[in-house]
Amino acid sequence: MKAYRLLTGKDNSGFCHRVTEALNNGWELYGGPSVTFDPVRGHVVCAQAIVKDAPERVYAPNIKLGDL
């Protein structure tokens, strides 16, 4: 199975730590990051797609992707 996730969050060290944690758990970056400005909250929001091969798993809609 190949898994896909889209991490999103405020552009700060917390977001970077979430991406770093995913990379250290076997996920790989999929494309470059995307950023936009949230005028209501007054901050930049980042998004980064990540993918992971999990050949031992079979896809099912109820899989918790963060636990892979």
C-alpha atoms as a PDB file:
ATOM      1  CA  MET A   1       0.000   0.000   0.000  1.00  0.00           C
ATOM      2  CA  LYS A   2       1.155   3.544  -0.665  1.00  0.00           C
ATOM      3  CA  ALA A   3      -0.173   6.084   1.821  1.00  0.00           C
ATOM      4  CA  TYR A   4      -0.662   9.826   1.304  1.00  0.00           C
ATOM      5  CA  ARG A   5      -1.091  12.596   3.850  1.00  0.00           C
ATOM      6  CA  LEU A   6      -1.286  16.371   3.635  1.00  0.00           C
ATOM      7  CA  LEU A   7       0.155  18.096   6.679  1.00  0.00           C
ATOM      8  CA  THR A   8      -1.098  21.638   7.231  1.00  0.00           C
ATOM      9  CA  GLY A   9      -0.570  24.224   9.893  1.00  0.00           C
ATOM     10  CA  LYS A  10       0.647  27.633  10.938  1.00  0.00           C
ATOM     11  CA  ASP A  11       4.108  28.420   9.547  1.00  0.00           C
ATOM     12  CA  ASN A  12       6.127  27.986  12.722  1.00  0.00           C
ATOM     13  CA  SER A  13       8.559  25.574  14.322  1.00  0.00           C
ATOM     14  CA  GLY A  14       5.686  23.309  15.388  1.00  0.00           C
ATOM     15  CA  PHE A  15       4.776  22.666  11.753  1.00  0.00           C
ATOM     16  CA  CYS A  16       8.417  22.004  10.899  1.00  0.00           C
ATOM     17  CA  HIS A  17       8.647  19.529  13.789  1.00  0.00           C
ATOM     18  CA  ARG A  18       5.557  17.669  12.511  1.00  0.00           C
ATOM     19  CA  VAL A  19       7.130  17.325   9.057  1.00  0.00           C
ATOM     20  CA  THR A  20      10.468  16.301  10.592  1.00  0.00           C
ATOM     21  CA  GLU A  21       8.756  13.685  12.765  1.00  0.00           C
ATOM     22  CA  ALA A  22       6.985  12.235   9.720  1.00  0.00           C
ATOM     23  CA  LEU A  23      10.266  12.083   7.769  1.00  0.00           C
ATOM     24  CA  ASN A  24      11.912  10.254  10.659  1.00  0.00           C
ATOM     25  CA  ASN A  25       9.013   7.776  10.704  1.00  0.00           C
ATOM     26  CA  GLY A  26       9.582   6.752   7.098  1.00  0.00           C
ATOM     27  CA  TRP A  27       7.401   9.259   5.244  1.00  0.00           C
ATOM     28  CA  GLU A  28       8.840  11.063   2.214  1.00  0.00           C
ATOM     29  CA  LEU A  29       8.112  14.525   0.863  1.00  0.00           C
ATOM     30  CA  TYR A  30       5.801  14.542  -2.143  1.00  0.00           C
ATOM     31  CA  GLY A  31       6.408  17.735  -4.072  1.00  0.00           C
ATOM     32  CA  GLY A  32       7.219  21.070  -2.543  1.00  0.00           C
ATOM     33  CA  PRO A  33       5.446  22.923   0.226  1.00  0.00           C
ATOM     34  CA  SER A  34       2.634  25.344  -0.379  1.00  0.00           C
ATOM     35  CA  VAL A  35       1.951  28.482   1.615  1.00  0.00           C
ATOM     36  CA  THR A  36      -0.884  30.971   1.854  1.00  0.00           C
ATOM     37  CA  PHE A  37      -1.855  33.806   4.148  1.00  0.00           C
ATOM     38  CA  ASP A  38      -4.886  33.489   6.427  1.00  0.00           C
ATOM     39  CA  PRO A  39      -6.144  37.075   6.774  1.00  0.00           C
ATOM     40  CA  VAL A  40      -8.657  36.160   9.485  1.00  0.00           C
ATOM     41  CA  ARG A  41      -6.015  34.691  11.784  1.00  0.00           C
ATOM     42  CA  GLY A  42      -3.239  36.929  10.500  1.00  0.00           C
ATOM     43  CA  HIS A  43      -0.613  34.271   9.813  1.00  0.00           C
ATOM     44  CA  VAL A  44       0.926  32.163   7.077  1.00  0.00           C
ATOM     45  CA  VAL A  45      -0.374  28.601   6.660  1.00  0.00           C
ATOM     46  CA  CYS A  46       1.826  25.837   5.210  1.00  0.00           C
ATOM     47  CA  ALA A  47       0.934  22.557   3.547  1.00  0.00           C
ATOM     48  CA  GLN A  48       3.267  19.674   2.736  1.00  0.00           C
ATOM     49  CA  ALA A  49       2.241  16.435   1.044  1.00  0.00           C
ATOM     50  CA  ILE A  50       3.976  13.262   2.226  1.00  0.00           C
ATOM     51  CA  VAL A  51       3.841   9.633   1.082  1.00  0.00           C
ATOM     52  CA  LYS A  52       4.908   6.312   2.563  1.00  0.00           C
ATOM     53  CA  ASP A  53       5.176   2.789   1.223  1.00  0.00           C
ATOM     54  CA  ALA A  54       3.630   0.264   3.602  1.00  0.00           C
ATOM     55  CA  PRO A  55       3.825  -3.034   1.674  1.00  0.00           C
ATOM     56  CA  GLU A  56       2.729  -5.053   4.722  1.00  0.00           C
ATOM     57  CA  ARG A  57      -0.577  -3.188   4.897  1.00  0.00           C
ATOM     58  CA  VAL A  58      -3.722  -3.412   2.769  1.00  0.00           C
ATOM     59  CA  TYR A  59      -5.642  -0.193   2.216  1.00  0.00           C
ATOM     60  CA  ALA A  60      -8.932   0.264   4.026  1.00  0.00           C
ATOM     61  CA  PRO A  61     -10.824   3.548   4.520  1.00  0.00           C
ATOM     62  CA  ASN A  62     -10.563   3.294   8.322  1.00  0.00           C
ATOM     63  CA  ILE A  63      -6.744   3.141   8.451  1.00  0.00           C
ATOM     64  CA  LYS A  64      -5.222   5.808  10.696  1.00  0.00           C
ATOM     65  CA  LEU A  65      -2.555   7.114   8.331  1.00  0.00           C
ATOM     66  CA  GLY A  66      -0.655   8.857  11.105  1.00  0.00           C
ATOM     67  CA  ASP A  67      -0.057   5.483  12.756  1.00  0.00           C
ATOM     68  CA  LEU A  68       1.752   3.989   9.746  1.00  0.00           C
END
